Amino acid sequence: ELISSLRSKLQTLWEERELVLSETKEYAERGKELEAMVQDVCKPNEFERYMMFIGDLEKVVSLLLCLSSRLARVQNAMRKIDGNMDAEEKQSLNERHKLLSRQREDAKDLKENLDRRERVVSGILAKYLTDQQLQDYRHFVQVKTSLLIEQKDLEEQIKFLEEQLENLEKSIC
């Protein structure tokens, strides 16, 4: 019964992931339309700033999500430390925790820098776009970020349930 329930939850998550991927593709098309419009109205160096910002947006958000996820897994492993774990394993977990914490702080700095760059790009676009177009651009950036977060969250949930299911099936056999 538990296996059936886990499989059902997994199926639901896979379907949700497909919807998010479909929405992501749809937004990629909107992004291309926005890109073409920006290229038409901006100077080449301004367009280049826009393109660098949009490209870095996905990279920085993905990096932050990945590091946060890895850090959470290490923290969970550290909470499960018991007397049976040897000192070398504990030391390894502590070192990984410190490294991931530093990397996440660096990624947060990158995100702050990216936020400043977004304000610069918004200022540039405000010179050329109507209020509605500027609002569409800001909405695009928000939704792009939200979709990345939602996609990563679903992938983490799927991975967790798949591991649970695998462990449960192994324990039964």
N, C-alpha and C. Protein backbone atom coordinates (compact mmCIF):
# COMPACT_ATOMS: atom_id res chain seq x y z
N GLU A 1 0.82 -1.19 0.00
CA GLU A 1 0.00 0.00 0.00
C GLU A 1 0.87 1.27 0.00
N LEU A 2 1.93 1.23 0.82
CA LEU A 2 2.85 2.37 0.89
C LEU A 2 3.57 2.56 -0.45
N ILE A 3 3.99 1.46 -1.05
CA ILE A 3 4.64 1.52 -2.36
C ILE A 3 3.70 2.12 -3.39
N SER A 4 2.47 1.70 -3.36
CA SER A 4 1.47 2.22 -4.30
C SER A 4 1.26 3.72 -4.09
N SER A 5 1.23 4.14 -2.85
CA SER A 5 1.06 5.55 -2.53
C SER A 5 2.25 6.38 -3.03
N LEU A 6 3.46 5.86 -2.81
CA LEU A 6 4.66 6.56 -3.28
C LEU A 6 4.67 6.66 -4.81
N ARG A 7 4.30 5.58 -5.46
CA ARG A 7 4.25 5.61 -6.93
C ARG A 7 3.23 6.61 -7.43
N SER A 8 2.10 6.68 -6.76
CA SER A 8 1.07 7.64 -7.14
C SER A 8 1.57 9.08 -6.96
N LYS A 9 2.24 9.35 -5.83
CA LYS A 9 2.80 10.68 -5.59
C LYS A 9 3.85 11.02 -6.64
N LEU A 10 4.68 10.02 -6.97
CA LEU A 10 5.71 10.23 -8.00
C LEU A 10 5.07 10.57 -9.34
N GLN A 11 4.03 9.86 -9.69
CA GLN A 11 3.33 10.12 -10.96
C GLN A 11 2.80 11.56 -11.00
N THR A 12 2.23 11.98 -9.89
CA THR A 12 1.71 13.35 -9.79
C THR A 12 2.84 14.37 -9.96
N LEU A 13 3.96 14.11 -9.31
CA LEU A 13 5.11 15.02 -9.43
C LEU A 13 5.67 15.05 -10.85
N TRP A 14 5.73 13.89 -11.49
CA TRP A 14 6.22 13.85 -12.88
C TRP A 14 5.31 14.68 -13.78
N GLU A 15 3.99 14.57 -13.55
CA GLU A 15 3.05 15.34 -14.35
C GLU A 15 3.21 16.85 -14.09
N GLU A 16 3.39 17.21 -12.83
CA GLU A 16 3.62 18.62 -12.50
C GLU A 16 4.90 19.13 -13.16
N ARG A 17 5.94 18.29 -13.15
CA ARG A 17 7.21 18.67 -13.77
C ARG A 17 7.02 18.90 -15.26
N GLU A 18 6.24 18.05 -15.91
CA GLU A 18 5.97 18.23 -17.34
C GLU A 18 5.26 19.55 -17.61
N LEU A 19 4.30 19.90 -16.74
CA LEU A 19 3.61 21.18 -16.88
C LEU A 19 4.57 22.35 -16.72
N VAL A 20 5.46 22.27 -15.74
CA VAL A 20 6.44 23.34 -15.52
C VAL A 20 7.39 23.43 -16.72
N LEU A 21 7.82 22.29 -17.23
CA LEU A 21 8.70 22.30 -18.40
C LEU A 21 7.99 22.90 -19.61
N SER A 22 6.72 22.60 -19.76
CA SER A 22 5.94 23.17 -20.86
C SER A 22 5.82 24.68 -20.69
N GLU A 23 5.55 25.11 -19.47
CA GLU A 23 5.46 26.54 -19.19
C GLU A 23 6.81 27.23 -19.42
N THR A 24 7.88 26.55 -19.07
CA THR A 24 9.23 27.08 -19.27
C THR A 24 9.50 27.29 -20.76
N LYS A 25 9.10 26.33 -21.58
CA LYS A 25 9.27 26.47 -23.03
C LYS A 25 8.46 27.64 -23.56
N GLU A 26 7.24 27.77 -23.04
CA GLU A 26 6.37 28.87 -23.44
C GLU A 26 7.02 30.21 -23.09
N TYR A 27 7.59 30.29 -21.89
CA TYR A 27 8.25 31.53 -21.48
C TYR A 27 9.54 31.77 -22.25
N ALA A 28 10.18 30.72 -22.70
CA ALA A 28 11.37 30.89 -23.53
C ALA A 28 10.99 31.59 -24.84
N GLU A 29 9.83 31.25 -25.38
CA GLU A 29 9.34 31.92 -26.59
C GLU A 29 9.06 33.39 -26.31
N ARG A 30 8.42 33.67 -25.18
CA ARG A 30 8.17 35.06 -24.80
C ARG A 30 9.49 35.80 -24.63
N GLY A 31 10.46 35.10 -24.09
CA GLY A 31 11.79 35.69 -23.91
C GLY A 31 12.42 36.06 -25.24
N LYS A 32 12.24 35.21 -26.23
CA LYS A 32 12.79 35.49 -27.57
C LYS A 32 12.09 36.71 -28.19
N GLU A 33 10.78 36.80 -27.98
CA GLU A 33 10.04 37.96 -28.49
C GLU A 33 10.53 39.24 -27.81
N LEU A 34 10.71 39.16 -26.49
CA LEU A 34 11.20 40.31 -25.73
C LEU A 34 12.61 40.68 -26.19
N GLU A 35 13.43 39.66 -26.38
CA GLU A 35 14.80 39.88 -26.85
C GLU A 35 14.81 40.61 -28.19
N ALA A 36 13.96 40.19 -29.11
CA ALA A 36 13.89 40.84 -30.43
C ALA A 36 13.46 42.29 -30.29
N MET A 37 12.49 42.54 -29.43
CA MET A 37 12.01 43.90 -29.22
C MET A 37 13.13 44.77 -28.63
N VAL A 38 13.82 44.24 -27.63
CA VAL A 38 14.91 44.99 -26.99
C VAL A 38 16.02 45.27 -28.00
N GLN A 39 16.32 44.29 -28.82
CA GLN A 39 17.37 44.47 -29.83
C GLN A 39 16.98 45.57 -30.82
N ASP A 40 15.70 45.64 -31.15
CA ASP A 40 15.22 46.66 -32.09
C ASP A 40 15.33 48.08 -31.53
N VAL A 41 15.10 48.24 -30.22
CA VAL A 41 15.02 49.60 -29.68
C VAL A 41 16.29 50.08 -28.98
N CYS A 42 17.14 49.17 -28.54
CA CYS A 42 18.32 49.55 -27.77
C CYS A 42 19.57 49.67 -28.64
N LYS A 43 20.54 50.37 -28.10
CA LYS A 43 21.87 50.44 -28.72
C LYS A 43 22.53 49.07 -28.54
N PRO A 44 23.48 48.73 -29.40
CA PRO A 44 24.12 47.40 -29.30
C PRO A 44 24.72 47.11 -27.91
N ASN A 45 25.38 48.09 -27.30
CA ASN A 45 25.98 47.82 -25.99
C ASN A 45 24.90 47.63 -24.90
N GLU A 46 23.78 48.31 -25.04
CA GLU A 46 22.67 48.15 -24.09
C GLU A 46 22.03 46.77 -24.27
N PHE A 47 21.88 46.38 -25.52
CA PHE A 47 21.32 45.06 -25.80
C PHE A 47 22.24 43.97 -25.24
N GLU A 48 23.54 44.17 -25.35
CA GLU A 48 24.50 43.20 -24.82
C GLU A 48 24.37 43.09 -23.30
N ARG A 49 24.17 44.22 -22.63
CA ARG A 49 23.96 44.20 -21.17
C ARG A 49 22.72 43.41 -20.82
N TYR A 50 21.66 43.64 -21.60
CA TYR A 50 20.40 42.92 -21.38
C TYR A 50 20.63 41.41 -21.53
N MET A 51 21.29 41.02 -22.61
CA MET A 51 21.52 39.60 -22.88
C MET A 51 22.39 38.96 -21.80
N MET A 52 23.41 39.68 -21.36
CA MET A 52 24.27 39.14 -20.29
C MET A 52 23.47 38.96 -19.01
N PHE A 53 22.61 39.94 -18.70
CA PHE A 53 21.79 39.82 -17.49
C PHE A 53 20.87 38.61 -17.58
N ILE A 54 20.16 38.47 -18.68
CA ILE A 54 19.20 37.36 -18.83
C ILE A 54 19.94 36.01 -18.75
N GLY A 55 21.10 35.92 -19.40
CA GLY A 55 21.87 34.68 -19.34
C GLY A 55 22.36 34.37 -17.94
N ASP A 56 22.83 35.40 -17.25
CA ASP A 56 23.35 35.20 -15.90
C ASP A 56 22.24 34.93 -14.89
N LEU A 57 21.05 35.44 -15.15
CA LEU A 57 19.92 35.22 -14.25
C LEU A 57 19.71 33.73 -14.02
N GLU A 58 19.61 32.99 -15.09
CA GLU A 58 19.38 31.55 -14.97
C GLU A 58 20.55 30.85 -14.28
N LYS A 59 21.77 31.24 -14.64
CA LYS A 59 22.95 30.59 -14.06
C LYS A 59 23.04 30.84 -12.56
N VAL A 60 22.84 32.08 -12.14
CA VAL A 60 22.99 32.42 -10.72
C VAL A 60 21.87 31.79 -9.88
N VAL A 61 20.65 31.86 -10.38
CA VAL A 61 19.53 31.26 -9.63
C VAL A 61 19.73 29.75 -9.53
N SER A 62 20.13 29.11 -10.62
CA SER A 62 20.37 27.67 -10.60
C SER A 62 21.50 27.31 -9.63
N LEU A 63 22.56 28.12 -9.65
CA LEU A 63 23.68 27.88 -8.74
C LEU A 63 23.24 27.98 -7.28
N LEU A 64 22.49 29.02 -6.96
CA LEU A 64 22.01 29.19 -5.59
C LEU A 64 21.13 28.02 -5.16
N LEU A 65 20.23 27.61 -6.03
CA LEU A 65 19.34 26.50 -5.70
C LEU A 65 20.12 25.21 -5.50
N CYS A 66 21.07 24.96 -6.38
CA CYS A 66 21.88 23.74 -6.29
C CYS A 66 22.69 23.72 -4.99
N LEU A 67 23.35 24.83 -4.68
CA LEU A 67 24.15 24.89 -3.46
C LEU A 67 23.28 24.76 -2.21
N SER A 68 22.13 25.39 -2.22
CA SER A 68 21.22 25.29 -1.07
C SER A 68 20.75 23.86 -0.88
N SER A 69 20.45 23.20 -1.96
CA SER A 69 20.00 21.81 -1.90
C SER A 69 21.11 20.90 -1.36
N ARG A 70 22.31 21.08 -1.89
CA ARG A 70 23.44 20.25 -1.42
C ARG A 70 23.74 20.53 0.04
N LEU A 71 23.67 21.79 0.43
CA LEU A 71 23.92 22.15 1.82
C LEU A 71 22.86 21.52 2.74
N ALA A 72 21.62 21.53 2.31
CA ALA A 72 20.54 20.91 3.10
C ALA A 72 20.78 19.42 3.28
N ARG A 73 21.23 18.74 2.23
CA ARG A 73 21.52 17.30 2.34
C ARG A 73 22.65 17.04 3.33
N VAL A 74 23.70 17.87 3.28
CA VAL A 74 24.81 17.70 4.22
C VAL A 74 24.34 17.97 5.64
N GLN A 75 23.51 19.01 5.83
CA GLN A 75 22.99 19.31 7.17
C GLN A 75 22.14 18.16 7.69
N ASN A 76 21.33 17.54 6.81
CA ASN A 76 20.54 16.37 7.22
C ASN A 76 21.45 15.23 7.63
N ALA A 77 22.50 15.01 6.87
CA ALA A 77 23.44 13.94 7.20
C ALA A 77 24.13 14.24 8.53
N MET A 78 24.43 15.51 8.78
CA MET A 78 25.08 15.88 10.05
C MET A 78 24.14 15.66 11.24
N ARG A 79 22.84 15.87 11.03
CA ARG A 79 21.87 15.65 12.11
C ARG A 79 21.76 14.16 12.44
N LYS A 80 22.07 13.32 11.47
CA LYS A 80 21.95 11.87 11.68
C LYS A 80 23.23 11.26 12.23
N ILE A 81 24.22 12.11 12.51
CA ILE A 81 25.48 11.59 13.05
C ILE A 81 25.20 10.88 14.37
N ASP A 82 25.74 9.69 14.47
CA ASP A 82 25.59 8.94 15.72
C ASP A 82 26.95 8.41 16.15
N GLY A 83 26.95 7.67 17.19
CA GLY A 83 28.19 7.12 17.74
C GLY A 83 28.88 6.14 16.82
N ASN A 84 28.15 5.56 15.88
CA ASN A 84 28.73 4.56 14.99
C ASN A 84 29.55 5.19 13.86
N MET A 85 29.35 6.48 13.60
CA MET A 85 30.06 7.12 12.50
C MET A 85 31.50 7.41 12.94
N ASP A 86 32.45 7.04 12.09
CA ASP A 86 33.84 7.27 12.48
C ASP A 86 34.21 8.74 12.33
N ALA A 87 35.29 9.09 12.98
CA ALA A 87 35.74 10.50 13.04
C ALA A 87 36.03 11.05 11.65
N GLU A 88 36.54 10.20 10.77
CA GLU A 88 36.88 10.63 9.42
C GLU A 88 35.62 11.06 8.64
N GLU A 89 34.54 10.30 8.80
CA GLU A 89 33.28 10.66 8.13
C GLU A 89 32.72 11.96 8.69
N LYS A 90 32.78 12.11 10.01
CA LYS A 90 32.30 13.35 10.63
C LYS A 90 33.10 14.54 10.12
N GLN A 91 34.43 14.38 10.07
CA GLN A 91 35.30 15.45 9.59
C GLN A 91 34.97 15.79 8.14
N SER A 92 34.74 14.78 7.33
CA SER A 92 34.40 15.00 5.92
C SER A 92 33.10 15.79 5.78
N LEU A 93 32.10 15.41 6.57
CA LEU A 93 30.82 16.13 6.55
C LEU A 93 31.01 17.59 6.98
N ASN A 94 31.80 17.80 8.03
CA ASN A 94 32.05 19.17 8.50
C ASN A 94 32.76 20.00 7.43
N GLU A 95 33.73 19.41 6.77
CA GLU A 95 34.46 20.13 5.71
C GLU A 95 33.54 20.46 4.53
N ARG A 96 32.71 19.50 4.15
CA ARG A 96 31.76 19.74 3.07
C ARG A 96 30.78 20.85 3.45
N HIS A 97 30.33 20.83 4.70
CA HIS A 97 29.40 21.86 5.18
C HIS A 97 30.05 23.24 5.09
N LYS A 98 31.29 23.35 5.56
CA LYS A 98 31.99 24.64 5.51
C LYS A 98 32.17 25.11 4.07
N LEU A 99 32.60 24.20 3.20
CA LEU A 99 32.82 24.55 1.80
C LEU A 99 31.52 25.01 1.13
N LEU A 100 30.46 24.23 1.32
CA LEU A 100 29.17 24.59 0.71
C LEU A 100 28.63 25.89 1.28
N SER A 101 28.84 26.12 2.56
CA SER A 101 28.38 27.38 3.17
C SER A 101 29.10 28.57 2.55
N ARG A 102 30.41 28.44 2.38
CA ARG A 102 31.19 29.53 1.74
C ARG A 102 30.73 29.73 0.30
N GLN A 103 30.55 28.63 -0.41
CA GLN A 103 30.12 28.74 -1.81
C GLN A 103 28.74 29.38 -1.92
N ARG A 104 27.85 29.04 -0.99
CA ARG A 104 26.52 29.64 -1.03
C ARG A 104 26.59 31.14 -0.72
N GLU A 105 27.44 31.52 0.20
CA GLU A 105 27.61 32.95 0.50
C GLU A 105 28.15 33.69 -0.73
N ASP A 106 29.10 33.07 -1.43
CA ASP A 106 29.62 33.66 -2.67
C ASP A 106 28.50 33.79 -3.71
N ALA A 107 27.67 32.76 -3.80
CA ALA A 107 26.56 32.79 -4.75
C ALA A 107 25.54 33.87 -4.38
N LYS A 108 25.35 34.09 -3.07
CA LYS A 108 24.45 35.17 -2.64
C LYS A 108 25.01 36.53 -3.07
N ASP A 109 26.34 36.67 -2.98
CA ASP A 109 26.97 37.91 -3.45
C ASP A 109 26.74 38.08 -4.95
N LEU A 110 26.86 36.99 -5.69
CA LEU A 110 26.58 37.04 -7.14
C LEU A 110 25.14 37.47 -7.39
N LYS A 111 24.22 36.95 -6.58
CA LYS A 111 22.80 37.30 -6.74
C LYS A 111 22.58 38.78 -6.44
N GLU A 112 23.22 39.30 -5.42
CA GLU A 112 23.10 40.73 -5.11
C GLU A 112 23.63 41.57 -6.27
N ASN A 113 24.76 41.15 -6.83
CA ASN A 113 25.31 41.84 -7.99
C ASN A 113 24.35 41.76 -9.17
N LEU A 114 23.75 40.61 -9.35
CA LEU A 114 22.78 40.42 -10.43
C LEU A 114 21.56 41.32 -10.23
N ASP A 115 21.12 41.47 -8.99
CA ASP A 115 19.99 42.36 -8.70
C ASP A 115 20.33 43.81 -9.05
N ARG A 116 21.57 44.22 -8.76
CA ARG A 116 21.99 45.58 -9.15
C ARG A 116 22.00 45.72 -10.66
N ARG A 117 22.48 44.70 -11.34
CA ARG A 117 22.51 44.73 -12.81
C ARG A 117 21.10 44.77 -13.37
N GLU A 118 20.16 44.10 -12.70
CA GLU A 118 18.77 44.12 -13.17
C GLU A 118 18.21 45.54 -13.08
N ARG A 119 18.56 46.24 -12.03
CA ARG A 119 18.10 47.62 -11.90
C ARG A 119 18.69 48.50 -13.01
N VAL A 120 19.94 48.26 -13.37
CA VAL A 120 20.57 49.01 -14.47
C VAL A 120 19.85 48.70 -15.78
N VAL A 121 19.62 47.42 -16.03
CA VAL A 121 18.93 47.01 -17.27
C VAL A 121 17.52 47.60 -17.30
N SER A 122 16.82 47.57 -16.16
CA SER A 122 15.48 48.17 -16.11
C SER A 122 15.54 49.65 -16.44
N GLY A 123 16.56 50.33 -15.92
CA GLY A 123 16.72 51.75 -16.21
C GLY A 123 16.95 52.00 -17.69
N ILE A 124 17.74 51.15 -18.30
CA ILE A 124 17.99 51.27 -19.75
C ILE A 124 16.68 51.06 -20.51
N LEU A 125 15.99 49.98 -20.17
CA LEU A 125 14.76 49.64 -20.89
C LEU A 125 13.67 50.70 -20.67
N ALA A 126 13.68 51.34 -19.51
CA ALA A 126 12.68 52.37 -19.22
C ALA A 126 12.78 53.54 -20.20
N LYS A 127 13.97 53.74 -20.77
CA LYS A 127 14.15 54.83 -21.75
C LYS A 127 13.46 54.50 -23.07
N TYR A 128 13.27 53.23 -23.37
CA TYR A 128 12.80 52.82 -24.70
C TYR A 128 11.41 52.19 -24.72
N LEU A 129 11.03 51.55 -23.62
CA LEU A 129 9.79 50.77 -23.63
C LEU A 129 8.64 51.57 -23.00
N THR A 130 7.44 51.20 -23.41
CA THR A 130 6.26 51.78 -22.78
C THR A 130 6.14 51.19 -21.37
N ASP A 131 5.29 51.79 -20.56
CA ASP A 131 5.09 51.27 -19.20
C ASP A 131 4.63 49.82 -19.24
N GLN A 132 3.75 49.50 -20.16
CA GLN A 132 3.24 48.13 -20.27
C GLN A 132 4.36 47.17 -20.69
N GLN A 133 5.17 47.57 -21.65
CA GLN A 133 6.28 46.72 -22.10
C GLN A 133 7.29 46.50 -20.97
N LEU A 134 7.54 47.56 -20.21
CA LEU A 134 8.46 47.45 -19.07
C LEU A 134 7.88 46.52 -18.00
N GLN A 135 6.59 46.64 -17.79
CA GLN A 135 5.91 45.75 -16.84
C GLN A 135 5.98 44.30 -17.33
N ASP A 136 5.82 44.09 -18.64
CA ASP A 136 5.93 42.74 -19.21
C ASP A 136 7.34 42.18 -19.01
N TYR A 137 8.34 43.03 -19.19
CA TYR A 137 9.73 42.61 -18.99
C TYR A 137 9.94 42.18 -17.54
N ARG A 138 9.48 42.98 -16.59
CA ARG A 138 9.66 42.66 -15.17
C ARG A 138 8.91 41.37 -14.80
N HIS A 139 7.73 41.22 -15.38
CA HIS A 139 6.95 40.00 -15.15
C HIS A 139 7.71 38.79 -15.71
N PHE A 140 8.29 38.95 -16.88
CA PHE A 140 9.07 37.87 -17.50
C PHE A 140 10.21 37.43 -16.58
N VAL A 141 10.95 38.40 -16.02
CA VAL A 141 12.07 38.09 -15.14
C VAL A 141 11.58 37.36 -13.89
N GLN A 142 10.47 37.82 -13.31
CA GLN A 142 9.92 37.17 -12.12
C GLN A 142 9.48 35.74 -12.41
N VAL A 143 8.75 35.57 -13.51
CA VAL A 143 8.24 34.24 -13.84
C VAL A 143 9.38 33.30 -14.20
N LYS A 144 10.37 33.79 -14.91
CA LYS A 144 11.53 32.96 -15.27
C LYS A 144 12.19 32.43 -14.00
N THR A 145 12.38 33.31 -13.02
CA THR A 145 12.98 32.91 -11.75
C THR A 145 12.08 31.92 -11.02
N SER A 146 10.79 32.20 -10.95
CA SER A 146 9.84 31.31 -10.27
C SER A 146 9.81 29.92 -10.91
N LEU A 147 9.85 29.87 -12.22
CA LEU A 147 9.83 28.58 -12.91
C LEU A 147 11.10 27.78 -12.61
N LEU A 148 12.23 28.46 -12.56
CA LEU A 148 13.48 27.77 -12.21
C LEU A 148 13.39 27.17 -10.81
N ILE A 149 12.87 27.95 -9.88
CA ILE A 149 12.74 27.48 -8.49
C ILE A 149 11.76 26.31 -8.41
N GLU A 150 10.63 26.46 -9.08
CA GLU A 150 9.62 25.39 -9.05
C GLU A 150 10.15 24.11 -9.69
N GLN A 151 10.86 24.25 -10.79
CA GLN A 151 11.42 23.09 -11.47
C GLN A 151 12.43 22.37 -10.57
N LYS A 152 13.31 23.12 -9.93
CA LYS A 152 14.32 22.53 -9.05
C LYS A 152 13.64 21.86 -7.85
N ASP A 153 12.63 22.49 -7.30
CA ASP A 153 11.91 21.93 -6.16
C ASP A 153 11.25 20.60 -6.54
N LEU A 154 10.60 20.57 -7.69
CA LEU A 154 9.97 19.32 -8.14
C LEU A 154 11.01 18.23 -8.36
N GLU A 155 12.14 18.59 -8.95
CA GLU A 155 13.20 17.59 -9.16
C GLU A 155 13.71 17.03 -7.85
N GLU A 156 13.85 17.90 -6.84
CA GLU A 156 14.29 17.44 -5.51
C GLU A 156 13.26 16.50 -4.89
N GLN A 157 11.99 16.87 -4.98
CA GLN A 157 10.93 16.02 -4.42
C GLN A 157 10.90 14.67 -5.13
N ILE A 158 11.04 14.69 -6.44
CA ILE A 158 11.03 13.44 -7.22
C ILE A 158 12.20 12.57 -6.80
N LYS A 159 13.38 13.17 -6.70
CA LYS A 159 14.58 12.41 -6.32
C LYS A 159 14.39 11.79 -4.94
N PHE A 160 13.84 12.57 -4.00
CA PHE A 160 13.61 12.08 -2.65
C PHE A 160 12.64 10.90 -2.65
N LEU A 161 11.52 11.04 -3.35
CA LEU A 161 10.53 9.96 -3.39
C LEU A 161 11.06 8.72 -4.10
N GLU A 162 11.84 8.93 -5.17
CA GLU A 162 12.43 7.78 -5.87
C GLU A 162 13.38 7.03 -4.94
N GLU A 163 14.16 7.76 -4.14
CA GLU A 163 15.06 7.11 -3.19
C GLU A 163 14.27 6.36 -2.12
N GLN A 164 13.20 6.98 -1.63
CA GLN A 164 12.35 6.31 -0.63
C GLN A 164 11.76 5.03 -1.20
N LEU A 165 11.25 5.13 -2.41
CA LEU A 165 10.63 3.98 -3.06
C LEU A 165 11.66 2.86 -3.25
N GLU A 166 12.83 3.23 -3.71
CA GLU A 166 13.89 2.24 -3.93
C GLU A 166 14.28 1.57 -2.62
N ASN A 167 14.45 2.36 -1.56
CA ASN A 167 14.81 1.78 -0.26
C ASN A 167 13.71 0.88 0.28
N LEU A 168 12.46 1.29 0.09
CA LEU A 168 11.33 0.50 0.56
C LEU A 168 11.25 -0.83 -0.20
N GLU A 169 11.44 -0.77 -1.51
CA GLU A 169 11.40 -1.99 -2.32
C GLU A 169 12.54 -2.93 -1.95
N LYS A 170 13.72 -2.39 -1.66
CA LYS A 170 14.86 -3.22 -1.24
C LYS A 170 14.61 -3.87 0.10
N SER A 171 13.95 -3.13 1.01
CA SER A 171 13.70 -3.68 2.35
C SER A 171 12.67 -4.80 2.32
N ILE A 172 11.80 -4.77 1.34
CA ILE A 172 10.78 -5.81 1.23
C ILE A 172 11.35 -7.09 0.62
N CYS A 173 12.26 -6.92 -0.33
CA CYS A 173 12.83 -8.09 -1.02
C CYS A 173 13.79 -8.87 -0.18
